[in-house]
N, C-alpha and C. Protein backbone atom coordinates (compact mmCIF):
# COMPACT_ATOMS: atom_id res chain seq x y z
N UNK A 1 42.69 -97.55 14.47
CA UNK A 1 41.45 -97.50 15.21
C UNK A 1 41.71 -97.37 16.71
N UNK A 2 42.76 -98.12 17.19
CA UNK A 2 43.09 -98.05 18.61
C UNK A 2 43.53 -96.64 18.99
N UNK A 3 44.26 -95.98 18.11
CA UNK A 3 44.72 -94.62 18.39
C UNK A 3 43.54 -93.66 18.49
N UNK A 4 42.55 -93.83 17.64
CA UNK A 4 41.36 -92.97 17.66
C UNK A 4 40.60 -93.13 18.97
N UNK A 5 40.42 -94.36 19.41
CA UNK A 5 39.72 -94.63 20.67
C UNK A 5 40.52 -94.08 21.83
N UNK A 6 41.83 -94.29 21.82
CA UNK A 6 42.69 -93.80 22.89
C UNK A 6 42.68 -92.27 22.95
N UNK A 7 42.73 -91.61 21.80
CA UNK A 7 42.67 -90.15 21.74
C UNK A 7 41.34 -89.63 22.28
N UNK A 8 40.25 -90.24 21.90
CA UNK A 8 38.93 -89.83 22.38
C UNK A 8 38.82 -90.01 23.88
N UNK A 9 39.36 -91.10 24.40
CA UNK A 9 39.33 -91.35 25.84
C UNK A 9 40.13 -90.32 26.60
N UNK A 10 41.33 -90.00 26.10
CA UNK A 10 42.17 -88.99 26.75
C UNK A 10 41.52 -87.61 26.72
N UNK A 11 40.95 -87.23 25.61
CA UNK A 11 40.27 -85.92 25.51
C UNK A 11 39.07 -85.86 26.44
N UNK A 12 38.31 -86.94 26.52
CA UNK A 12 37.15 -86.98 27.40
C UNK A 12 37.55 -86.88 28.86
N UNK A 13 38.63 -87.55 29.24
CA UNK A 13 39.13 -87.49 30.62
C UNK A 13 39.62 -86.09 30.94
N UNK A 14 40.32 -85.46 30.04
CA UNK A 14 40.83 -84.11 30.26
C UNK A 14 39.68 -83.12 30.42
N UNK A 15 38.63 -83.29 29.65
CA UNK A 15 37.49 -82.39 29.73
C UNK A 15 36.78 -82.53 31.07
N UNK A 16 36.78 -83.72 31.65
CA UNK A 16 36.11 -83.95 32.93
C UNK A 16 36.91 -83.40 34.10
N UNK A 17 38.16 -83.08 33.89
CA UNK A 17 39.01 -82.59 34.97
C UNK A 17 39.12 -81.08 34.94
N UNK A 18 38.07 -80.40 34.59
CA UNK A 18 38.05 -78.95 34.55
C UNK A 18 38.20 -78.41 35.97
N UNK A 19 39.23 -77.63 36.21
CA UNK A 19 39.47 -77.10 37.56
C UNK A 19 38.81 -75.74 37.77
N UNK A 20 38.20 -75.19 36.76
CA UNK A 20 37.51 -73.91 36.89
C UNK A 20 36.30 -74.07 37.81
N UNK A 21 36.20 -73.22 38.82
CA UNK A 21 35.05 -73.30 39.73
C UNK A 21 34.10 -72.17 39.43
N UNK A 22 32.84 -72.45 39.58
CA UNK A 22 31.82 -71.45 39.34
C UNK A 22 31.56 -70.68 40.62
N UNK A 23 31.22 -69.40 40.53
CA UNK A 23 30.90 -68.66 41.74
C UNK A 23 29.66 -69.26 42.40
N UNK A 24 29.65 -69.24 43.74
CA UNK A 24 28.53 -69.82 44.46
C UNK A 24 27.39 -68.81 44.64
N UNK A 25 27.63 -67.56 44.35
CA UNK A 25 26.61 -66.52 44.51
C UNK A 25 26.25 -65.99 43.14
N UNK A 26 24.95 -65.87 42.87
CA UNK A 26 24.51 -65.37 41.58
C UNK A 26 25.00 -63.94 41.38
N UNK A 27 25.59 -63.59 40.22
CA UNK A 27 26.17 -62.28 39.99
C UNK A 27 25.20 -61.13 40.22
N UNK A 28 23.92 -61.29 39.90
CA UNK A 28 23.00 -60.17 40.05
C UNK A 28 22.81 -59.78 41.51
N UNK A 29 23.06 -60.70 42.46
CA UNK A 29 22.90 -60.37 43.87
C UNK A 29 24.21 -59.92 44.50
N UNK A 30 25.32 -60.15 43.82
CA UNK A 30 26.61 -59.83 44.40
C UNK A 30 26.78 -58.34 44.63
N UNK A 31 26.15 -57.53 43.85
CA UNK A 31 26.34 -56.10 43.94
C UNK A 31 25.44 -55.46 44.99
N UNK A 32 24.31 -56.09 45.31
CA UNK A 32 23.44 -55.61 46.38
C UNK A 32 23.78 -56.41 47.62
N UNK A 33 24.10 -55.71 48.69
CA UNK A 33 24.52 -56.41 49.90
C UNK A 33 23.71 -56.01 51.11
N UNK A 34 24.02 -56.61 52.23
CA UNK A 34 23.32 -56.27 53.46
C UNK A 34 23.76 -54.90 53.96
N UNK A 35 22.83 -54.17 54.53
CA UNK A 35 23.15 -52.86 55.11
C UNK A 35 23.88 -53.05 56.43
N UNK A 36 24.83 -52.19 56.69
CA UNK A 36 25.56 -52.22 57.96
C UNK A 36 24.61 -51.80 59.09
N UNK A 37 24.82 -52.38 60.26
CA UNK A 37 23.99 -52.06 61.43
C UNK A 37 24.01 -50.57 61.75
N UNK A 38 25.13 -49.89 61.45
CA UNK A 38 25.22 -48.45 61.73
C UNK A 38 24.20 -47.64 60.94
N UNK A 39 23.75 -48.17 59.80
CA UNK A 39 22.71 -47.48 59.02
C UNK A 39 21.33 -47.65 59.63
N UNK A 40 21.17 -48.61 60.54
CA UNK A 40 19.86 -48.94 61.07
C UNK A 40 19.69 -48.61 62.54
N UNK A 41 20.77 -48.48 63.28
CA UNK A 41 20.68 -48.33 64.73
C UNK A 41 19.97 -47.04 65.13
N UNK A 42 19.12 -47.19 66.13
CA UNK A 42 18.34 -46.08 66.70
C UNK A 42 17.43 -45.41 65.68
N UNK A 43 16.96 -46.17 64.70
CA UNK A 43 16.06 -45.61 63.69
C UNK A 43 14.83 -46.49 63.56
N UNK A 44 13.72 -45.85 63.21
CA UNK A 44 12.48 -46.59 62.96
C UNK A 44 12.12 -46.40 61.49
N UNK A 45 11.65 -47.49 60.87
CA UNK A 45 11.27 -47.37 59.48
C UNK A 45 10.98 -48.71 58.85
N UNK A 46 10.89 -48.70 57.53
CA UNK A 46 10.60 -49.88 56.73
C UNK A 46 11.92 -50.58 56.41
N UNK A 47 12.09 -51.77 56.97
CA UNK A 47 13.30 -52.57 56.76
C UNK A 47 12.94 -53.75 55.87
N UNK A 48 13.53 -53.82 54.68
CA UNK A 48 13.19 -54.87 53.71
C UNK A 48 14.37 -55.81 53.48
N UNK A 49 14.08 -57.11 53.45
CA UNK A 49 15.07 -58.17 53.22
C UNK A 49 14.78 -58.83 51.87
N UNK A 50 15.80 -59.43 51.28
CA UNK A 50 15.62 -60.19 50.04
C UNK A 50 14.84 -61.46 50.35
N UNK A 51 13.88 -61.81 49.48
CA UNK A 51 13.09 -63.04 49.65
C UNK A 51 13.64 -64.20 48.85
N UNK A 52 14.60 -63.97 47.97
CA UNK A 52 15.20 -65.05 47.20
C UNK A 52 16.66 -64.73 46.96
N UNK A 53 17.42 -65.73 46.52
CA UNK A 53 18.83 -65.54 46.27
C UNK A 53 19.65 -65.71 47.53
N UNK A 54 20.95 -65.50 47.43
CA UNK A 54 21.85 -65.74 48.55
C UNK A 54 21.56 -64.89 49.78
N UNK A 55 21.08 -63.67 49.59
CA UNK A 55 20.82 -62.80 50.73
C UNK A 55 19.60 -63.22 51.54
N UNK A 56 18.71 -64.00 50.94
CA UNK A 56 17.48 -64.42 51.63
C UNK A 56 17.80 -65.28 52.85
N UNK A 57 18.83 -66.08 52.78
CA UNK A 57 19.17 -66.96 53.89
C UNK A 57 19.78 -66.22 55.06
N UNK A 58 20.27 -65.02 54.85
CA UNK A 58 20.91 -64.27 55.93
C UNK A 58 19.92 -63.44 56.74
N UNK A 59 18.78 -63.10 56.16
CA UNK A 59 17.82 -62.24 56.85
C UNK A 59 18.28 -60.80 56.98
N UNK A 60 19.31 -60.44 56.24
CA UNK A 60 19.87 -59.09 56.32
C UNK A 60 19.01 -58.08 55.56
N UNK A 61 18.95 -56.88 56.08
CA UNK A 61 18.20 -55.79 55.46
C UNK A 61 18.97 -55.29 54.25
N UNK A 62 18.28 -55.18 53.09
CA UNK A 62 18.91 -54.68 51.87
C UNK A 62 18.47 -53.26 51.53
N UNK A 63 17.33 -52.82 52.07
CA UNK A 63 16.86 -51.44 51.86
C UNK A 63 16.16 -50.98 53.12
N UNK A 64 16.45 -49.75 53.54
CA UNK A 64 15.82 -49.18 54.73
C UNK A 64 15.33 -47.78 54.40
N UNK A 65 14.07 -47.52 54.77
CA UNK A 65 13.50 -46.18 54.61
C UNK A 65 12.97 -45.73 55.96
N UNK A 66 13.50 -44.64 56.46
CA UNK A 66 13.13 -44.15 57.78
C UNK A 66 11.71 -43.60 57.77
N UNK A 67 10.98 -43.85 58.86
CA UNK A 67 9.63 -43.36 59.00
C UNK A 67 9.62 -41.84 58.88
N UNK A 68 8.73 -41.30 58.07
CA UNK A 68 8.62 -39.86 57.88
C UNK A 68 9.61 -39.30 56.86
N UNK A 69 10.50 -40.15 56.36
CA UNK A 69 11.50 -39.69 55.40
C UNK A 69 11.09 -40.02 53.98
N UNK A 70 11.70 -39.33 53.05
CA UNK A 70 11.41 -39.61 51.64
C UNK A 70 12.57 -40.31 50.96
N UNK A 71 13.71 -40.37 51.60
CA UNK A 71 14.85 -41.07 51.03
C UNK A 71 14.92 -42.49 51.56
N UNK A 72 15.93 -43.21 51.13
CA UNK A 72 16.17 -44.57 51.59
C UNK A 72 17.66 -44.84 51.50
N UNK A 73 18.09 -45.95 52.07
CA UNK A 73 19.49 -46.33 51.99
C UNK A 73 19.57 -47.79 51.52
N UNK A 74 20.56 -48.06 50.65
CA UNK A 74 20.77 -49.38 50.09
C UNK A 74 22.29 -49.63 50.09
N UNK A 75 22.69 -50.89 50.23
CA UNK A 75 24.11 -51.25 50.11
C UNK A 75 24.33 -51.77 48.70
N UNK A 76 25.21 -51.11 47.96
CA UNK A 76 25.47 -51.49 46.58
C UNK A 76 26.96 -51.38 46.31
N UNK A 77 27.53 -52.41 45.71
CA UNK A 77 28.95 -52.44 45.38
C UNK A 77 29.83 -52.20 46.60
N UNK A 78 29.42 -52.71 47.75
CA UNK A 78 30.24 -52.65 48.95
C UNK A 78 30.13 -51.40 49.79
N UNK A 79 29.25 -50.47 49.42
CA UNK A 79 29.09 -49.27 50.23
C UNK A 79 27.62 -48.87 50.30
N UNK A 80 27.29 -48.13 51.35
CA UNK A 80 25.92 -47.66 51.52
C UNK A 80 25.68 -46.48 50.60
N UNK A 81 24.53 -46.48 49.96
CA UNK A 81 24.15 -45.39 49.07
C UNK A 81 22.87 -44.75 49.59
N UNK A 82 22.89 -43.44 49.73
CA UNK A 82 21.71 -42.70 50.13
C UNK A 82 20.89 -42.42 48.87
N UNK A 83 19.65 -42.88 48.85
CA UNK A 83 18.77 -42.69 47.71
C UNK A 83 17.85 -41.50 47.97
N UNK A 84 17.64 -40.70 46.94
CA UNK A 84 16.72 -39.56 47.00
C UNK A 84 15.45 -39.94 46.26
N UNK A 85 14.32 -39.76 46.90
CA UNK A 85 13.04 -40.10 46.27
C UNK A 85 12.74 -39.09 45.16
N UNK A 86 12.41 -39.62 43.97
CA UNK A 86 12.08 -38.75 42.84
C UNK A 86 10.59 -38.79 42.49
N UNK A 87 9.93 -39.90 42.84
CA UNK A 87 8.49 -40.03 42.60
C UNK A 87 7.89 -40.93 43.66
N UNK A 88 6.61 -40.68 43.94
CA UNK A 88 5.90 -41.55 44.89
C UNK A 88 4.41 -41.45 44.62
N UNK A 89 3.72 -42.58 44.79
CA UNK A 89 2.27 -42.58 44.63
C UNK A 89 1.62 -42.02 45.88
N UNK A 90 0.37 -41.61 45.72
CA UNK A 90 -0.38 -41.13 46.88
C UNK A 90 -0.87 -42.29 47.74
N UNK A 91 -1.07 -43.44 47.11
CA UNK A 91 -1.49 -44.62 47.87
C UNK A 91 -0.37 -44.99 48.83
N UNK A 92 -0.72 -45.23 50.09
CA UNK A 92 0.33 -45.57 51.04
C UNK A 92 0.01 -46.86 51.78
N UNK A 93 1.06 -47.50 52.21
CA UNK A 93 1.00 -48.73 53.00
C UNK A 93 1.66 -48.39 54.33
N UNK A 94 0.88 -48.23 55.36
CA UNK A 94 1.41 -47.85 56.69
C UNK A 94 2.26 -46.59 56.63
N UNK A 95 1.86 -45.62 55.82
CA UNK A 95 2.57 -44.36 55.73
C UNK A 95 3.69 -44.31 54.70
N UNK A 96 3.96 -45.43 54.03
CA UNK A 96 4.99 -45.47 52.99
C UNK A 96 4.30 -45.62 51.64
N UNK A 97 4.70 -44.82 50.65
CA UNK A 97 4.07 -44.93 49.32
C UNK A 97 4.16 -46.36 48.79
N UNK A 98 3.10 -46.81 48.14
CA UNK A 98 3.10 -48.17 47.61
C UNK A 98 4.04 -48.33 46.41
N UNK A 99 4.32 -47.24 45.72
CA UNK A 99 5.27 -47.26 44.60
C UNK A 99 6.15 -46.02 44.71
N UNK A 100 7.47 -46.23 44.69
CA UNK A 100 8.41 -45.13 44.82
C UNK A 100 9.54 -45.29 43.80
N UNK A 101 10.09 -44.17 43.39
CA UNK A 101 11.28 -44.17 42.53
C UNK A 101 12.36 -43.37 43.26
N UNK A 102 13.59 -43.84 43.15
CA UNK A 102 14.73 -43.21 43.82
C UNK A 102 15.86 -43.00 42.82
N UNK A 103 16.77 -42.09 43.19
CA UNK A 103 17.94 -41.82 42.36
C UNK A 103 19.14 -41.59 43.28
N UNK A 104 20.29 -42.02 42.82
CA UNK A 104 21.57 -41.72 43.46
C UNK A 104 22.60 -41.64 42.34
N UNK A 105 23.83 -41.29 42.67
CA UNK A 105 24.87 -41.19 41.65
C UNK A 105 25.02 -42.49 40.89
N UNK A 106 24.78 -42.45 39.59
CA UNK A 106 24.98 -43.61 38.73
C UNK A 106 23.96 -44.71 38.85
N UNK A 107 22.83 -44.46 39.48
CA UNK A 107 21.84 -45.51 39.63
C UNK A 107 20.43 -44.97 39.87
N UNK A 108 19.46 -45.81 39.59
CA UNK A 108 18.06 -45.53 39.94
C UNK A 108 17.50 -46.79 40.59
N UNK A 109 16.44 -46.62 41.35
CA UNK A 109 15.78 -47.76 41.98
C UNK A 109 14.28 -47.49 42.03
N UNK A 110 13.51 -48.57 41.96
CA UNK A 110 12.06 -48.49 42.11
C UNK A 110 11.66 -49.51 43.15
N UNK A 111 10.72 -49.13 44.00
CA UNK A 111 10.23 -50.02 45.04
C UNK A 111 8.71 -50.04 44.99
N UNK A 112 8.17 -51.23 44.95
CA UNK A 112 6.73 -51.44 44.98
C UNK A 112 6.45 -52.33 46.18
N UNK A 113 5.56 -51.88 47.08
CA UNK A 113 5.23 -52.69 48.27
C UNK A 113 3.72 -52.82 48.43
N UNK A 114 3.33 -53.86 49.17
CA UNK A 114 1.93 -54.07 49.53
C UNK A 114 1.91 -54.85 50.84
N UNK A 115 0.73 -54.95 51.45
CA UNK A 115 0.60 -55.76 52.65
C UNK A 115 0.76 -57.23 52.28
N UNK A 116 1.41 -57.98 53.14
CA UNK A 116 1.59 -59.42 52.91
C UNK A 116 0.30 -60.15 53.22
N UNK A 117 0.04 -61.20 52.45
CA UNK A 117 -1.10 -62.08 52.72
C UNK A 117 -0.70 -63.06 53.81
N UNK A 118 -1.67 -63.62 54.55
CA UNK A 118 -1.33 -64.61 55.57
C UNK A 118 -0.53 -65.77 54.96
N UNK A 119 0.47 -66.23 55.66
CA UNK A 119 1.33 -67.35 55.26
C UNK A 119 2.16 -67.07 54.00
N UNK A 120 2.32 -65.81 53.62
CA UNK A 120 3.08 -65.47 52.41
C UNK A 120 4.56 -65.21 52.71
N UNK A 121 4.87 -64.83 53.94
CA UNK A 121 6.25 -64.45 54.27
C UNK A 121 6.71 -65.13 55.55
N UNK A 122 7.93 -64.82 55.91
CA UNK A 122 8.48 -65.29 57.17
C UNK A 122 7.67 -64.71 58.33
N UNK A 123 7.81 -65.34 59.47
CA UNK A 123 7.08 -64.90 60.65
C UNK A 123 7.41 -63.44 60.96
N UNK A 124 6.41 -62.63 61.11
CA UNK A 124 6.59 -61.23 61.48
C UNK A 124 6.65 -60.25 60.32
N UNK A 125 6.91 -60.71 59.11
CA UNK A 125 6.96 -59.80 57.96
C UNK A 125 5.54 -59.40 57.58
N UNK A 126 5.31 -58.10 57.49
CA UNK A 126 3.97 -57.60 57.20
C UNK A 126 3.85 -56.99 55.81
N UNK A 127 4.98 -56.80 55.14
CA UNK A 127 4.99 -56.16 53.83
C UNK A 127 5.79 -57.00 52.84
N UNK A 128 5.36 -57.04 51.59
CA UNK A 128 6.11 -57.69 50.52
C UNK A 128 6.18 -56.72 49.35
N UNK A 129 7.15 -56.95 48.49
CA UNK A 129 7.28 -56.07 47.34
C UNK A 129 8.39 -56.49 46.42
N UNK A 130 8.73 -55.56 45.53
CA UNK A 130 9.78 -55.79 44.54
C UNK A 130 10.67 -54.56 44.52
N UNK A 131 11.99 -54.80 44.57
CA UNK A 131 12.98 -53.74 44.47
C UNK A 131 13.70 -53.93 43.14
N UNK A 132 13.69 -52.90 42.30
CA UNK A 132 14.37 -52.93 41.00
C UNK A 132 15.49 -51.89 41.03
N UNK A 133 16.70 -52.33 40.73
CA UNK A 133 17.87 -51.44 40.76
C UNK A 133 18.50 -51.43 39.37
N UNK A 134 18.80 -50.25 38.86
CA UNK A 134 19.44 -50.08 37.55
C UNK A 134 20.63 -49.15 37.70
N UNK A 135 21.78 -49.58 37.18
CA UNK A 135 22.96 -48.73 37.19
C UNK A 135 23.21 -48.22 35.78
N UNK A 136 23.87 -47.08 35.67
CA UNK A 136 24.14 -46.49 34.37
C UNK A 136 25.13 -47.31 33.55
N UNK A 137 25.85 -48.25 34.19
CA UNK A 137 26.77 -49.11 33.44
C UNK A 137 26.05 -50.27 32.75
N UNK A 138 24.71 -50.31 32.86
CA UNK A 138 23.93 -51.34 32.19
C UNK A 138 23.51 -52.48 33.10
N UNK A 139 24.08 -52.58 34.29
CA UNK A 139 23.72 -53.65 35.22
C UNK A 139 22.35 -53.35 35.85
N UNK A 140 21.55 -54.39 36.04
CA UNK A 140 20.27 -54.22 36.72
C UNK A 140 19.89 -55.52 37.41
N UNK A 141 19.01 -55.40 38.38
CA UNK A 141 18.50 -56.58 39.07
C UNK A 141 17.10 -56.27 39.61
N UNK A 142 16.33 -57.32 39.79
CA UNK A 142 15.02 -57.22 40.42
C UNK A 142 15.01 -58.21 41.57
N UNK A 143 14.73 -57.72 42.76
CA UNK A 143 14.79 -58.55 43.96
C UNK A 143 13.44 -58.54 44.67
N UNK A 144 12.82 -59.70 44.86
CA UNK A 144 11.62 -59.74 45.70
C UNK A 144 12.03 -59.49 47.14
N UNK A 145 11.28 -58.63 47.83
CA UNK A 145 11.62 -58.26 49.20
C UNK A 145 10.43 -58.47 50.14
N UNK A 146 10.73 -58.57 51.42
CA UNK A 146 9.71 -58.60 52.45
C UNK A 146 10.29 -57.98 53.70
N UNK A 147 9.43 -57.50 54.56
CA UNK A 147 9.91 -56.89 55.79
C UNK A 147 8.79 -56.31 56.61
N UNK A 148 9.18 -55.45 57.51
CA UNK A 148 8.22 -54.85 58.42
C UNK A 148 8.69 -53.46 58.82
N UNK A 149 7.80 -52.72 59.44
CA UNK A 149 8.14 -51.43 60.00
C UNK A 149 8.53 -51.67 61.45
N UNK A 150 9.74 -51.28 61.80
CA UNK A 150 10.22 -51.53 63.16
C UNK A 150 11.29 -50.53 63.53
N UNK A 151 11.68 -50.57 64.78
CA UNK A 151 12.79 -49.75 65.26
C UNK A 151 13.97 -50.67 65.53
N UNK A 152 15.13 -50.24 65.10
CA UNK A 152 16.36 -51.05 65.26
C UNK A 152 17.23 -50.48 66.35
């Protein structure tokens, strides 16, 4: 009986000493990153930040669409990707379609935006929406976004 108790105690202690550490960043956000300042400098347009997840605390822009343009740029897997607009609604929010679809090599994205309600976002954010990204390798994520139209 003593051996059984001793064995159970040793196994329980060994299980509690797991040295494996969990990643501190949720995997679905690891592939979408902040855009480099070079993608934004001297440009005016819709700059959207993540509203939840690890990127929300940084305030970094995750998608930028230049005013008057139909494409957009996103940082994915460590590099900037130029997105080509494939569909857009006629309804617009400050000149940007309220629903858009984009395509790039190995991926698609959809963006839905609307005007922010009072007290819904951080100070100065005038637009809220959802960014959905799908890669052909099966990975996908949905990120709530907020931002404003500005010049960087």
